[in-house]
Amino acid sequence: MEISLLKQLLKNIYTFLHRDDNKYNDIVEKYYVKVQEVLKLVKPVLESIVDSEAASNELLREEFAGMSQCVDEIREVFEDSHPLMSKVYFVLKMESLFAKVQTHGLELLDLLRSCEGLPVELSSSSLEHCVHKIKQMGCDKPSAIVSKAIKDQVQGMDISKDIRSKIADLLSLRSNQELLIELVALENLKENAEQLEKVEDVEYIEEMIGFVTHMHNCFVEIKQSQSCNPVPIPPDFCCPLSLELMTDPVIVASGQTYERVYIRNWIALGLTVCPKTMQTLAHTNLIPNYTVKALIANWCETHNVKLPGPVKSTSLNQPGYPRSLVQHVVSSSEDSIPGVSENGHKLDNENDRSNETGERSSDLGEPSSLLPPKKESSASSGMDEESPKVSHDANDEPLPQAATTYTSDASGEVVAELQPAIVSPSAAPQRELHEYSPRFGNRSRHQMWRRPSGKMVTETRPELSGVETQVKKLVEDLSSLSLDIVKNATLELRLLARHDKDIRNVIANCGAIPLLINLLRSPDQSIQENSVTALLNLSINDINKATIGNSGAIEPLIYVLETGSSEAKENSAATLFSLSVIEDNKIQIGRSGAIGPLVDLLGNGTPRGKKDAATALFNLSTFHENKSRIVQAGAVKYLIDLMDPATGMVDKAVAVLSNLATIPEGRAGIGQEGGIPTLVEVIELGSARGKENAAAALLQLCTNSSRFCNMVLQEGAIPPLVALSQNGTPRAKEKAQSLISYFRNQRHGNGGRR
């Protein structure tokens, strides 16, 4: 056991040191080199003690485990880095992780100096030399400057121009576009944290947003003051991206006007939000704004200002952008970007994971590591933005695979409308319950921006041929008589399926799906967990959803749901949800007996298991036939219990109850289990989407039973309903107004049904 911990640490170090050369910018590379220097000093020392007595030292074992976890986390952060990530967040996170790996390295070397039985080459002087070199590393800490500036901004203190300039240089935030991209990235991180209801993280990221916004405002002021025009240019005549007078103004889907070439390049980078309002662009068409163009020409003539010639192209040769992406952007000459459909989504048959990964790890979507250790936050999310997600390794949280919105049909039932995800570097779930930041206006939380990938550039991917060879061997190993070989093959496929849709397609095309389904009944817990997680990751691609469903996976998944470990049950529930995106699968899952085990997981599972079960049950409840099955399985009681704010699942539970309230059994269950007072409480104190679904449920209850109507009135529902009718979402206003009208009619003698 002791030796395996050390070997695992060495394996993680080796993986980190031999990563693919995929540097996006100087900041990422700088921190990679810093970590690399520490690990290159520690690695030979660790290799020399693999077979020594020191490897079994209890204190060393703890350091092996701690450092191994830290190295793995750092590796995942680097793997998830990309050109459009938040540079502020990356630096603060990497400084924290670098400090951890530095501390672990020093602790290991210090403990070794006091150990007996060390190899002769590990002299006290050689260990002291390593300690001295590691201590010298990382003295320059940009995070200290950034953290202080953020703190000063929060406290309302002035941040000097020199400090702003230094931070701009350290983080490569020197241009208007870079600052706007940083704001998009931070807003995305904030929304991920909001969806997981991590209050402390949201507050911390809001502080970063406030600081970067301040930097942006200062940059704009300086740019305007440096204008060489004798007459100040009206702000509406300047492009919000270039801050220059527009010569070819175009209107984007948000209604804002930009210089054509600048907004075209912005979209080509993968950003599908309006730079000014941060509203998601419903499409990427650019419409000439002849009115503004004429006004600019008239203004120039009136003030004797020479109108500059049209901007042919902009320089995107900035550090941090892949050359292939730059070439693609500059060569684009269409008003709508190649590879992006009319509605702004990728022209693709799969609902890609936002960050092209399957499983969630401690990546840039997890801001908690930036906070003091004492701060903990719940990891819950709203049903409103649930979507198929990925496996739960370690303390992983799910990410979104498809943007899912919920509207009501003619019956008032909540219905899922799946849209391909654009990106969310962190996913989430891949999850829209919180009020939007007034600075950015309303927009979908899952359509912030798309991470650029090989799909955006017309290039082939020769490395996939090597992956295919590896996958074919692993698929052969799935049929091996050796338990260890099968275990390793399922683990490797699980990990490979994390990366991107092309690799997932390779795995499916090599015939892995039927073999993985067969292994769901394996008595070996690891094989079962790896198999169900691999299938979950593969199910991210739509074509694989159909293949998995048609290959007889549903009953084995139910078997895992009934008999597996906690992790296996969670990922089985998540897989069933992912498959249920296809209507035929939704019907088959309900008829195959999955609802009972899902309800059991809802009531008795781990917190994560309950969330996975609630998500799956929600999607199944959008098919009418499944509603009575869900009620009969006893879900209503559990859902009402989960409406306690302490569970962090109020919105999930209310969304399911809203659908169940459309059938008599559901309404009876809600009334019998005491759900009416809680629904009224959600109307008063819940989130925007929670109030909306609670109002829909109460409308069903009241209009179908005078007894329930009286109970709702006795709970004092009128004042919060009046407030909701004035300040809620459009659907919430509609439901609240309908309820109030119904109460008014009842008071005038119109009886309701019992």
Foldseek 3Di string as FASTA:
>chain_A
DLLVLLVLLLVLLVCLVPDPPDFQFPLLVVLSVLLNVLSVLQNVQSVQCSPWPVSPDPVLSVLSNQLSVLSNLSSVQSVLDALLAQLLLSLLLSLLSSVSNLVSSLVNLVVVLVDPGGDPVPDPVSSVVSNVVSVPGPPDRVNVLVVVLLVCVVVVHDDDPVSLVVNCVSRVVPFLQSLLSNLLNLLLLLLLCVQQPQVVLNVVSVSVNSSSVVSNVVVLVVVQVPDPDPDRDPQLQAASRHRHGAQWWWAFQVRHIHRQQRLLLVVLQFFQADSQQLAGGQFQATHTDVVSNVVSVVVCVVSVNDDDDRDLHDDPPDGRHDPLSRVQSNPDDDSGAPQADGRGHGPDQFLKAQSQFAWADSYSSPSVSSDPPVRDGGRHGFLQFQAQFAACPDNGDTAQSWGWGWDADPLLATAIDTHRFSHRSRGHVVHDFADDDPSNDDHGSRHRTGGDDCSSGPDDDVCVVVLLVVLLVLLVQLPDPDPVSVLVSLQVLLRQLGGHLVSLVSNVVSPNLLSLLVQCPPPDQSSNLSSLRSLSSSLSTVVSLVVNLVSPNLLSLLVCLVDHDLSSVLSSLSSLQSSVVDVVSLVVNLVNPNLLSLLVQLQDGDLSSVNSSLSSLLSSLSDPVNLVVNLVSPNLLSLLVCCPVVSSHNNSSLSNLLSSLSDPSSLVSCVVNVNLLSLLVCLQDNTLNSVLSSLSSLLSNVQADVVSLVVNVVSVSLVSLVVCLPDGDPSSVVSSVSSVVVVVVVVVPDDHHD
